[in-house]
Amino acid sequence: MKLYVGNLPYQITENDLRSFFSEFGDVSEVFIPMDNYSGQARGFAFVTMDSRSSMLEAIKNADGKELQGRPLKVNEAKPQEKRGGDFRGGGNHSGKRDNYRGRR
């Protein structure tokens, strides 16, 4: 019952999304991922609706609809795919600077 909402304006708030999606049913949760460096919203969010029928109604009626001047991309959120392997970097981690670039 979780929606992916894309193409959001960066200044969007949880209250903005809660209000917008409440038209389609009860909103259980809103999560807006923030950029770690700028602290700004990343342009997408996840909205959890209280029922599958509310989620489907939101997809049907909100996908392509404008919010704060931007056409939304709304669909069912998919589980995050595992990003291959268990990469932990390489090198001998001795802490010596010359292990990385421009050995002399």
C-alpha atoms as a PDB file:
ATOM      1  CA  MET A   1       0.000   0.000   0.000  1.00  0.00           C
ATOM      2  CA  LYS A   2       3.070   2.180  -0.410  1.00  0.00           C
ATOM      3  CA  LEU A   3       3.304   4.672  -3.259  1.00  0.00           C
ATOM      4  CA  TYR A   4       6.370   6.029  -4.965  1.00  0.00           C
ATOM      5  CA  VAL A   5       5.814   9.704  -5.794  1.00  0.00           C
ATOM      6  CA  GLY A   6       8.349  11.234  -8.170  1.00  0.00           C
ATOM      7  CA  ASN A   7       9.049  14.587  -9.831  1.00  0.00           C
ATOM      8  CA  LEU A   8       8.340  16.491  -6.622  1.00  0.00           C
ATOM      9  CA  PRO A   9       9.411  20.074  -6.085  1.00  0.00           C
ATOM     10  CA  TYR A  10      12.368  20.218  -3.693  1.00  0.00           C
ATOM     11  CA  GLN A  11      10.488  22.406  -1.204  1.00  0.00           C
ATOM     12  CA  ILE A  12       7.651  19.878  -0.747  1.00  0.00           C
ATOM     13  CA  THR A  13       6.665  19.087   2.854  1.00  0.00           C
ATOM     14  CA  GLU A  14       5.108  16.100   4.551  1.00  0.00           C
ATOM     15  CA  ASN A  15       1.970  18.160   5.186  1.00  0.00           C
ATOM     16  CA  ASP A  16       1.727  19.072   1.485  1.00  0.00           C
ATOM     17  CA  LEU A  17       1.786  15.400   0.495  1.00  0.00           C
ATOM     18  CA  ARG A  18      -0.494  14.268   3.307  1.00  0.00           C
ATOM     19  CA  SER A  19      -3.055  16.880   2.281  1.00  0.00           C
ATOM     20  CA  PHE A  20      -2.782  16.066  -1.440  1.00  0.00           C
ATOM     21  CA  PHE A  21      -3.124  12.289  -1.031  1.00  0.00           C
ATOM     22  CA  SER A  22      -5.835  12.414   1.654  1.00  0.00           C
ATOM     23  CA  GLU A  23      -8.234  13.081  -1.235  1.00  0.00           C
ATOM     24  CA  PHE A  24      -7.830   9.386  -2.137  1.00  0.00           C
ATOM     25  CA  GLY A  25      -8.008   7.859   1.358  1.00  0.00           C
ATOM     26  CA  ASP A  26      -6.320   7.870   4.734  1.00  0.00           C
ATOM     27  CA  VAL A  27      -2.566   8.471   4.618  1.00  0.00           C
ATOM     28  CA  SER A  28      -0.661   6.336   7.141  1.00  0.00           C
ATOM     29  CA  GLU A  29       2.857   7.608   6.535  1.00  0.00           C
ATOM     30  CA  VAL A  30       4.848  10.043   4.407  1.00  0.00           C
ATOM     31  CA  PHE A  31       8.604   9.703   3.947  1.00  0.00           C
ATOM     32  CA  ILE A  32      10.601  12.307   2.019  1.00  0.00           C
ATOM     33  CA  PRO A  33      14.250  11.254   1.574  1.00  0.00           C
ATOM     34  CA  MET A  34      16.661  14.128   2.126  1.00  0.00           C
ATOM     35  CA  ASP A  35      20.068  14.692   0.571  1.00  0.00           C
ATOM     36  CA  ASN A  36      22.764  14.068   3.187  1.00  0.00           C
ATOM     37  CA  TYR A  37      24.882  17.022   2.090  1.00  0.00           C
ATOM     38  CA  SER A  38      22.413  19.769   1.210  1.00  0.00           C
ATOM     39  CA  GLY A  39      19.593  18.770   3.565  1.00  0.00           C
ATOM     40  CA  GLN A  40      17.204  19.379   0.663  1.00  0.00           C
ATOM     41  CA  ALA A  41      14.489  16.938  -0.425  1.00  0.00           C
ATOM     42  CA  ARG A  42      15.658  14.600  -3.207  1.00  0.00           C
ATOM     43  CA  GLY A  43      12.602  15.102  -5.443  1.00  0.00           C
ATOM     44  CA  PHE A  44      10.685  11.946  -4.560  1.00  0.00           C
ATOM     45  CA  ALA A  45       8.777  10.508  -1.620  1.00  0.00           C
ATOM     46  CA  PHE A  46       6.969   7.434  -0.371  1.00  0.00           C
ATOM     47  CA  VAL A  47       3.358   7.737   0.743  1.00  0.00           C
ATOM     48  CA  THR A  48       1.664   4.848   2.535  1.00  0.00           C
ATOM     49  CA  MET A  49      -2.091   4.621   2.167  1.00  0.00           C
ATOM     50  CA  ASP A  50      -4.372   2.797   4.612  1.00  0.00           C
ATOM     51  CA  SER A  51      -5.766   0.350   2.039  1.00  0.00           C
ATOM     52  CA  ARG A  52      -5.017  -1.158  -1.334  1.00  0.00           C
ATOM     53  CA  SER A  53      -8.127   0.461  -2.812  1.00  0.00           C
ATOM     54  CA  SER A  54      -6.912   3.905  -1.640  1.00  0.00           C
ATOM     55  CA  MET A  55      -3.501   3.225  -3.143  1.00  0.00           C
ATOM     56  CA  LEU A  56      -5.008   2.216  -6.497  1.00  0.00           C
ATOM     57  CA  GLU A  57      -7.291   5.261  -6.452  1.00  0.00           C
ATOM     58  CA  ALA A  58      -4.278   7.508  -5.831  1.00  0.00           C
ATOM     59  CA  ILE A  59      -2.312   5.932  -8.688  1.00  0.00           C
ATOM     60  CA  LYS A  60      -5.268   6.273 -11.046  1.00  0.00           C
ATOM     61  CA  ASN A  61      -6.011   9.904 -10.184  1.00  0.00           C
ATOM     62  CA  ALA A  62      -2.696  11.436  -9.083  1.00  0.00           C
ATOM     63  CA  ASP A  63      -0.275  10.119 -11.718  1.00  0.00           C
ATOM     64  CA  GLY A  64       0.346  13.035 -14.068  1.00  0.00           C
ATOM     65  CA  LYS A  65      -1.580  15.503 -11.894  1.00  0.00           C
ATOM     66  CA  GLU A  66       0.237  18.735 -11.051  1.00  0.00           C
ATOM     67  CA  LEU A  67       1.389  19.594  -7.558  1.00  0.00           C
ATOM     68  CA  GLN A  68       3.099  22.923  -7.047  1.00  0.00           C
ATOM     69  CA  GLY A  69       3.557  23.255 -10.800  1.00  0.00           C
ATOM     70  CA  ARG A  70       5.082  19.820 -11.437  1.00  0.00           C
ATOM     71  CA  PRO A  71       3.388  16.757 -12.967  1.00  0.00           C
ATOM     72  CA  LEU A  72       3.668  13.893 -10.507  1.00  0.00           C
ATOM     73  CA  LYS A  73       4.830  10.383 -11.271  1.00  0.00           C
ATOM     74  CA  VAL A  74       2.841   8.072  -8.981  1.00  0.00           C
ATOM     75  CA  ASN A  75       3.042   4.291  -8.905  1.00  0.00           C
ATOM     76  CA  GLU A  76       3.220   1.401  -6.483  1.00  0.00           C
ATOM     77  CA  ALA A  77       6.526   1.368  -4.630  1.00  0.00           C
ATOM     78  CA  LYS A  78       8.648  -1.683  -5.363  1.00  0.00           C
ATOM     79  CA  PRO A  79      10.982  -3.270  -2.820  1.00  0.00           C
ATOM     80  CA  GLN A  80      14.519  -1.965  -3.168  1.00  0.00           C
ATOM     81  CA  GLU A  81      16.629  -4.327  -5.219  1.00  0.00           C
ATOM     82  CA  LYS A  82      19.850  -5.584  -3.730  1.00  0.00           C
ATOM     83  CA  ARG A  83      22.735  -3.770  -5.373  1.00  0.00           C
ATOM     84  CA  GLY A  84      25.013  -6.658  -6.241  1.00  0.00           C
ATOM     85  CA  GLY A  85      27.842  -8.151  -4.283  1.00  0.00           C
ATOM     86  CA  ASP A  86      29.388  -7.289  -1.004  1.00  0.00           C
ATOM     87  CA  PHE A  87      31.848  -4.642  -2.180  1.00  0.00           C
ATOM     88  CA  ARG A  88      34.031  -3.398   0.619  1.00  0.00           C
ATOM     89  CA  GLY A  89      36.758  -1.694  -1.335  1.00  0.00           C
ATOM     90  CA  GLY A  90      40.235  -2.866  -2.016  1.00  0.00           C
ATOM     91  CA  GLY A  91      43.817  -2.125  -1.214  1.00  0.00           C
ATOM     92  CA  ASN A  92      45.852  -3.072   1.778  1.00  0.00           C
ATOM     93  CA  HIS A  93      44.479  -0.295   4.019  1.00  0.00           C
ATOM     94  CA  SER A  94      47.863   0.383   5.557  1.00  0.00           C
ATOM     95  CA  GLY A  95      47.057   4.070   5.775  1.00  0.00           C
ATOM     96  CA  LYS A  96      50.035   5.113   3.668  1.00  0.00           C
ATOM     97  CA  ARG A  97      49.194   7.817   1.194  1.00  0.00           C
ATOM     98  CA  ASP A  98      51.367   6.383  -1.559  1.00  0.00           C
ATOM     99  CA  ASN A  99      49.136   3.304  -1.735  1.00  0.00           C
ATOM    100  CA  TYR A 100      46.509   5.270  -3.591  1.00  0.00           C
ATOM    101  CA  ARG A 101      47.885   7.601  -6.264  1.00  0.00           C
ATOM    102  CA  GLY A 102      51.122   8.584  -7.868  1.00  0.00           C
ATOM    103  CA  ARG A 103      53.592   6.296  -6.242  1.00  0.00           C
ATOM    104  CA  ARG A 104      57.018   7.802  -6.466  1.00  0.00           C
END
